[in-house]
PDB file of N, CA and C in Angstrom:
ATOM      1  N   MET A   1       0.845  -1.166   0.000  1.00  0.00           N
ATOM      2  CA  MET A   1       0.000   0.000   0.000  1.00  0.00           C
ATOM      3  C   MET A   1       0.897   1.237   0.000  1.00  0.00           C
ATOM      4  N   GLY A   2       0.817   2.002  -1.074  1.00  0.00           N
ATOM      5  CA  GLY A   2       1.637   3.192  -1.200  1.00  0.00           C
ATOM      6  C   GLY A   2       0.965   4.400  -0.568  1.00  0.00           C
ATOM      7  N   LEU A   3       1.763   5.396  -0.317  1.00  0.00           N
ATOM      8  CA  LEU A   3       1.239   6.610   0.302  1.00  0.00           C
ATOM      9  C   LEU A   3       0.365   7.396  -0.669  1.00  0.00           C
ATOM     10  N   PHE A   4       0.816   7.522  -1.905  1.00  0.00           N
ATOM     11  CA  PHE A   4       0.056   8.255  -2.919  1.00  0.00           C
ATOM     12  C   PHE A   4      -0.409   7.298  -3.997  1.00  0.00           C
ATOM     13  N   LYS A   5      -1.678   7.309  -4.243  1.00  0.00           N
ATOM     14  CA  LYS A   5      -2.266   6.451  -5.283  1.00  0.00           C
ATOM     15  C   LYS A   5      -2.177   7.155  -6.636  1.00  0.00           C
ATOM     16  N   PRO A   6      -2.181   6.393  -7.721  1.00  0.00           N
ATOM     17  CA  PRO A   6      -2.163   7.033  -9.051  1.00  0.00           C
ATOM     18  C   PRO A   6      -3.367   7.947  -9.298  1.00  0.00           C
ATOM     19  N   ASP A   7      -4.491   7.674  -8.631  1.00  0.00           N
ATOM     20  CA  ASP A   7      -5.670   8.532  -8.797  1.00  0.00           C
ATOM     21  C   ASP A   7      -5.404   9.953  -8.292  1.00  0.00           C
ATOM     22  N   LEU A   8      -4.605  10.069  -7.231  1.00  0.00           N
ATOM     23  CA  LEU A   8      -4.272  11.383  -6.699  1.00  0.00           C
ATOM     24  C   LEU A   8      -3.484  12.192  -7.726  1.00  0.00           C
ATOM     25  N   PHE A   9      -2.476  11.587  -8.324  1.00  0.00           N
ATOM     26  CA  PHE A   9      -1.675  12.289  -9.333  1.00  0.00           C
ATOM     27  C   PHE A   9      -2.517  12.630 -10.556  1.00  0.00           C
ATOM     28  N   ARG A  10      -3.416  11.743 -10.929  1.00  0.00           N
ATOM     29  CA  ARG A  10      -4.296  11.995 -12.069  1.00  0.00           C
ATOM     30  C   ARG A  10      -5.215  13.169 -11.751  1.00  0.00           C
ATOM     31  N   SER A  11      -5.730  13.245 -10.528  1.00  0.00           N
ATOM     32  CA  SER A  11      -6.603  14.359 -10.136  1.00  0.00           C
ATOM     33  C   SER A  11      -5.845  15.682 -10.158  1.00  0.00           C
ATOM     34  N   PHE A  12      -4.602  15.673  -9.654  1.00  0.00           N
ATOM     35  CA  PHE A  12      -3.793  16.888  -9.711  1.00  0.00           C
ATOM     36  C   PHE A  12      -3.531  17.302 -11.151  1.00  0.00           C
ATOM     37  N   ALA A  13      -3.249  16.358 -12.018  1.00  0.00           N
ATOM     38  CA  ALA A  13      -2.967  16.675 -13.423  1.00  0.00           C
ATOM     39  C   ALA A  13      -4.212  17.246 -14.100  1.00  0.00           C
ATOM     40  N   VAL A  14      -5.362  16.642 -13.863  1.00  0.00           N
ATOM     41  CA  VAL A  14      -6.597  17.137 -14.468  1.00  0.00           C
ATOM     42  C   VAL A  14      -6.927  18.528 -13.937  1.00  0.00           C
ATOM     43  N   GLY A  15      -6.757  18.746 -12.644  1.00  0.00           N
ATOM     44  CA  GLY A  15      -7.011  20.071 -12.065  1.00  0.00           C
ATOM     45  C   GLY A  15      -6.076  21.120 -12.617  1.00  0.00           C
ATOM     46  N   PHE A  16      -4.811  20.755 -12.800  1.00  0.00           N
ATOM     47  CA  PHE A  16      -3.841  21.700 -13.364  1.00  0.00           C
ATOM     48  C   PHE A  16      -4.210  22.064 -14.794  1.00  0.00           C
ATOM     49  N   VAL A  17      -4.572  21.060 -15.583  1.00  0.00           N
ATOM     50  CA  VAL A  17      -4.934  21.310 -16.985  1.00  0.00           C
ATOM     51  C   VAL A  17      -6.196  22.161 -17.065  1.00  0.00           C
ATOM     52  N   LEU A  18      -7.206  21.842 -16.251  1.00  0.00           N
ATOM     53  CA  LEU A  18      -8.441  22.628 -16.296  1.00  0.00           C
ATOM     54  C   LEU A  18      -8.215  24.056 -15.784  1.00  0.00           C
ATOM     55  N   GLY A  19      -7.420  24.225 -14.743  1.00  0.00           N
ATOM     56  CA  GLY A  19      -7.118  25.559 -14.238  1.00  0.00           C
ATOM     57  C   GLY A  19      -6.329  26.378 -15.240  1.00  0.00           C
ATOM     58  N   SER A  20      -5.368  25.741 -15.895  1.00  0.00           N
ATOM     59  CA  SER A  20      -4.586  26.444 -16.923  1.00  0.00           C
ATOM     60  C   SER A  20      -5.464  26.844 -18.098  1.00  0.00           C
ATOM     61  N   ALA A  21      -6.374  25.964 -18.479  1.00  0.00           N
ATOM     62  CA  ALA A  21      -7.282  26.285 -19.583  1.00  0.00           C
ATOM     63  C   ALA A  21      -8.207  27.447 -19.201  1.00  0.00           C
ATOM     64  N   ALA A  22      -8.679  27.468 -17.948  1.00  0.00           N
ATOM     65  CA  ALA A  22      -9.561  28.553 -17.510  1.00  0.00           C
ATOM     66  C   ALA A  22      -8.811  29.887 -17.498  1.00  0.00           C
ATOM     67  N   ILE A  23      -7.607  29.897 -16.979  1.00  0.00           N
ATOM     68  CA  ILE A  23      -6.825  31.136 -16.949  1.00  0.00           C
ATOM     69  C   ILE A  23      -6.478  31.581 -18.366  1.00  0.00           C
ATOM     70  N   GLY A  24      -6.101  30.642 -19.218  1.00  0.00           N
ATOM     71  CA  GLY A  24      -5.810  30.978 -20.611  1.00  0.00           C
ATOM     72  C   GLY A  24      -7.026  31.527 -21.325  1.00  0.00           C
ATOM     73  N   GLY A  25      -8.199  30.962 -21.050  1.00  0.00           N
ATOM     74  CA  GLY A  25      -9.433  31.450 -21.653  1.00  0.00           C
ATOM     75  C   GLY A  25      -9.764  32.862 -21.209  1.00  0.00           C
ATOM     76  N   LEU A  26      -9.578  33.136 -19.921  1.00  0.00           N
ATOM     77  CA  LEU A  26      -9.840  34.493 -19.425  1.00  0.00           C
ATOM     78  C   LEU A  26      -8.866  35.496 -20.013  1.00  0.00           C
ATOM     79  N   LEU A  27      -7.618  35.111 -20.141  1.00  0.00           N
ATOM     80  CA  LEU A  27      -6.642  36.018 -20.753  1.00  0.00           C
ATOM     81  C   LEU A  27      -6.937  36.228 -22.238  1.00  0.00           C
ATOM     82  N   ALA A  28      -7.418  35.199 -22.912  1.00  0.00           N
ATOM     83  CA  ALA A  28      -7.750  35.334 -24.329  1.00  0.00           C
ATOM     84  C   ALA A  28      -8.952  36.259 -24.519  1.00  0.00           C
ATOM     85  N   LEU A  29      -9.913  36.214 -23.587  1.00  0.00           N
ATOM     86  CA  LEU A  29     -11.072  37.105 -23.685  1.00  0.00           C
ATOM     87  C   LEU A  29     -10.679  38.560 -23.500  1.00  0.00           C
ATOM     88  N   ASN A  30      -9.684  38.807 -22.679  1.00  0.00           N
ATOM     89  CA  ASN A  30      -9.241  40.170 -22.407  1.00  0.00           C
ATOM     90  C   ASN A  30      -8.038  40.571 -23.252  1.00  0.00           C
ATOM     91  N   ALA A  31      -7.734  39.828 -24.296  1.00  0.00           N
ATOM     92  CA  ALA A  31      -6.553  40.121 -25.099  1.00  0.00           C
ATOM     93  C   ALA A  31      -6.679  41.468 -25.805  1.00  0.00           C
ATOM     94  N   GLY A  32      -7.877  41.877 -26.179  1.00  0.00           N
ATOM     95  CA  GLY A  32      -8.070  43.154 -26.856  1.00  0.00           C
ATOM     96  C   GLY A  32      -7.958  44.337 -25.907  1.00  0.00           C
ATOM     97  N   ASN A  33      -8.233  44.116 -24.635  1.00  0.00           N
ATOM     98  CA  ASN A  33      -8.174  45.198 -23.645  1.00  0.00           C
ATOM     99  C   ASN A  33      -6.744  45.368 -23.155  1.00  0.00           C
ATOM    100  N   ASP A  34      -6.470  46.547 -22.614  1.00  0.00           N
ATOM    101  CA  ASP A  34      -5.169  46.757 -21.990  1.00  0.00           C
ATOM    102  C   ASP A  34      -5.105  45.956 -20.706  1.00  0.00           C
ATOM    103  N   LEU A  35      -4.047  45.220 -20.524  1.00  0.00           N
ATOM    104  CA  LEU A  35      -3.870  44.450 -19.306  1.00  0.00           C
ATOM    105  C   LEU A  35      -2.971  45.238 -18.354  1.00  0.00           C
ATOM    106  N   LYS A  36      -3.484  46.333 -17.838  1.00  0.00           N
ATOM    107  CA  LYS A  36      -2.723  47.165 -16.915  1.00  0.00           C
ATOM    108  C   LYS A  36      -2.977  46.663 -15.504  1.00  0.00           C
ATOM    109  N   VAL A  37      -1.976  46.046 -14.936  1.00  0.00           N
ATOM    110  CA  VAL A  37      -2.115  45.541 -13.588  1.00  0.00           C
ATOM    111  C   VAL A  37      -1.913  46.680 -12.598  1.00  0.00           C
ATOM    112  N   ILE A  38      -0.960  47.548 -12.886  1.00  0.00           N
ATOM    113  CA  ILE A  38      -0.664  48.680 -12.019  1.00  0.00           C
ATOM    114  C   ILE A  38      -1.090  49.945 -12.753  1.00  0.00           C
ATOM    115  N   PRO A  39      -1.951  50.759 -12.150  1.00  0.00           N
ATOM    116  CA  PRO A  39      -2.384  51.980 -12.828  1.00  0.00           C
ATOM    117  C   PRO A  39      -1.240  52.985 -12.942  1.00  0.00           C
ATOM    118  N   ALA A  40      -1.395  53.916 -13.848  1.00  0.00           N
ATOM    119  CA  ALA A  40      -0.377  54.943 -14.055  1.00  0.00           C
ATOM    120  C   ALA A  40      -0.258  55.810 -12.813  1.00  0.00           C
ATOM    121  N   ALA A  41       0.944  56.224 -12.495  1.00  0.00           N
ATOM    122  CA  ALA A  41       1.185  57.050 -11.318  1.00  0.00           C
ATOM    123  C   ALA A  41       0.702  58.474 -11.565  1.00  0.00           C
ATOM    124  N   GLN A  42       0.170  59.076 -10.525  1.00  0.00           N
ATOM    125  CA  GLN A  42      -0.273  60.456 -10.598  1.00  0.00           C
ATOM    126  C   GLN A  42       0.315  61.208  -9.422  1.00  0.00           C
ATOM    127  N   ALA A  43       0.776  62.414  -9.688  1.00  0.00           N
ATOM    128  CA  ALA A  43       1.360  63.226  -8.627  1.00  0.00           C
ATOM    129  C   ALA A  43       0.254  63.795  -7.743  1.00  0.00           C
ATOM    130  N   ALA A  44       0.580  63.988  -6.504  1.00  0.00           N
ATOM    131  CA  ALA A  44      -0.359  64.604  -5.575  1.00  0.00           C
ATOM    132  C   ALA A  44      -0.461  66.089  -5.884  1.00  0.00           C
ATOM    133  N   PRO A  45      -1.573  66.711  -5.560  1.00  0.00           N
ATOM    134  CA  PRO A  45      -1.703  68.139  -5.832  1.00  0.00           C
ATOM    135  C   PRO A  45      -0.707  68.940  -4.987  1.00  0.00           C
ATOM    136  N   ALA A  46      -0.195  69.997  -5.569  1.00  0.00           N
ATOM    137  CA  ALA A  46       0.779  70.830  -4.878  1.00  0.00           C
ATOM    138  C   ALA A  46       0.076  71.710  -3.853  1.00  0.00           C
ATOM    139  N   HIS A  47       0.667  71.813  -2.665  1.00  0.00           N
ATOM    140  CA  HIS A  47       0.134  72.671  -1.609  1.00  0.00           C
ATOM    141  C   HIS A  47       1.202  73.690  -1.228  1.00  0.00           C
ATOM    142  N   LEU A  48       0.757  74.852  -0.854  1.00  0.00           N
ATOM    143  CA  LEU A  48       1.658  75.910  -0.438  1.00  0.00           C
ATOM    144  C   LEU A  48       2.328  75.514   0.876  1.00  0.00           C
ATOM    145  N   ASP A  49       3.635  75.671   0.935  1.00  0.00           N
ATOM    146  CA  ASP A  49       4.371  75.368   2.155  1.00  0.00           C
ATOM    147  C   ASP A  49       4.130  76.491   3.153  1.00  0.00           C
ATOM    148  N   ARG A  50       3.467  76.184   4.251  1.00  0.00           N
ATOM    149  CA  ARG A  50       3.096  77.208   5.225  1.00  0.00           C
ATOM    150  C   ARG A  50       3.872  77.056   6.521  1.00  0.00           C
ATOM    151  N   THR A  51       5.035  76.438   6.467  1.00  0.00           N
ATOM    152  CA  THR A  51       5.785  76.232   7.703  1.00  0.00           C
ATOM    153  C   THR A  51       6.353  77.534   8.255  1.00  0.00           C
ATOM    154  N   LEU A  52       6.628  78.500   7.383  1.00  0.00           N
ATOM    155  CA  LEU A  52       7.172  79.779   7.840  1.00  0.00           C
ATOM    156  C   LEU A  52       6.231  80.925   7.499  1.00  0.00           C
ATOM    157  N   ALA A  53       4.945  80.694   7.646  1.00  0.00           N
ATOM    158  CA  ALA A  53       3.971  81.749   7.370  1.00  0.00           C
ATOM    159  C   ALA A  53       4.120  82.847   8.412  1.00  0.00           C
ATOM    160  N   PRO A  54       3.857  84.104   8.051  1.00  0.00           N
ATOM    161  CA  PRO A  54       4.023  85.218   8.996  1.00  0.00           C
ATOM    162  C   PRO A  54       3.197  85.040  10.263  1.00  0.00           C
ATOM    163  N   SER A  55       2.015  84.473  10.187  1.00  0.00           N
ATOM    164  CA  SER A  55       1.195  84.312  11.380  1.00  0.00           C
ATOM    165  C   SER A  55       1.799  83.296  12.336  1.00  0.00           C
ATOM    166  N   ASP A  56       2.536  82.337  11.816  1.00  0.00           N
ATOM    167  CA  ASP A  56       3.166  81.335  12.675  1.00  0.00           C
ATOM    168  C   ASP A  56       4.464  81.875  13.288  1.00  0.00           C
ATOM    169  N   ALA A  57       5.179  82.732  12.572  1.00  0.00           N
ATOM    170  CA  ALA A  57       6.465  83.232  13.038  1.00  0.00           C
ATOM    171  C   ALA A  57       6.301  84.393  14.017  1.00  0.00           C
ATOM    172  N   ALA A  58       5.208  85.130  13.935  1.00  0.00           N
ATOM    173  CA  ALA A  58       5.029  86.315  14.768  1.00  0.00           C
ATOM    174  C   ALA A  58       5.018  85.994  16.260  1.00  0.00           C
ATOM    175  N   PRO A  59       4.315  84.984  16.752  1.00  0.00           N
ATOM    176  CA  PRO A  59       4.364  84.712  18.209  1.00  0.00           C
ATOM    177  C   PRO A  59       5.753  84.315  18.677  1.00  0.00           C
ATOM    178  N   ALA A  60       6.507  83.613  17.858  1.00  0.00           N
ATOM    179  CA  ALA A  60       7.850  83.210  18.249  1.00  0.00           C
ATOM    180  C   ALA A  60       8.775  84.406  18.331  1.00  0.00           C
ATOM    181  N   VAL A  61       8.598  85.349  17.420  1.00  0.00           N
ATOM    182  CA  VAL A  61       9.437  86.547  17.432  1.00  0.00           C
ATOM    183  C   VAL A  61       9.087  87.404  18.643  1.00  0.00           C
ATOM    184  N   ALA A  62       7.809  87.518  18.949  1.00  0.00           N
ATOM    185  CA  ALA A  62       7.379  88.315  20.106  1.00  0.00           C
ATOM    186  C   ALA A  62       7.840  87.679  21.412  1.00  0.00           C
ATOM    187  N   ALA A  63       7.862  86.376  21.501  1.00  0.00           N
ATOM    188  CA  ALA A  63       8.293  85.686  22.710  1.00  0.00           C
ATOM    189  C   ALA A  63       9.801  85.789  22.895  1.00  0.00           C
ATOM    190  N   ALA A  64      10.555  85.933  21.805  1.00  0.00           N
ATOM    191  CA  ALA A  64      12.001  86.010  21.888  1.00  0.00           C
ATOM    192  C   ALA A  64      12.454  87.386  22.383  1.00  0.00           C
ATOM    193  N   ARG A  65      11.617  88.381  22.294  1.00  0.00           N
ATOM    194  CA  ARG A  65      12.002  89.753  22.719  1.00  0.00           C
ATOM    195  C   ARG A  65      12.005  89.904  24.186  1.00  0.00           C
TER     196      ARG A  65
END
């Protein structure tokens, strides 16, 4: 009595063939479409740097006096 029966290997082979055929069929259906897995990069909108705005610097200058 062996650990793996020939039926097990046959089932794996049939499953592999059917899965490959299904994936191939889906790819063939979408062959006309763009297959973009990763979308194009887009830059974030630019924001004004407000780290040294006059309203933020004024209390620090007044406290330093």
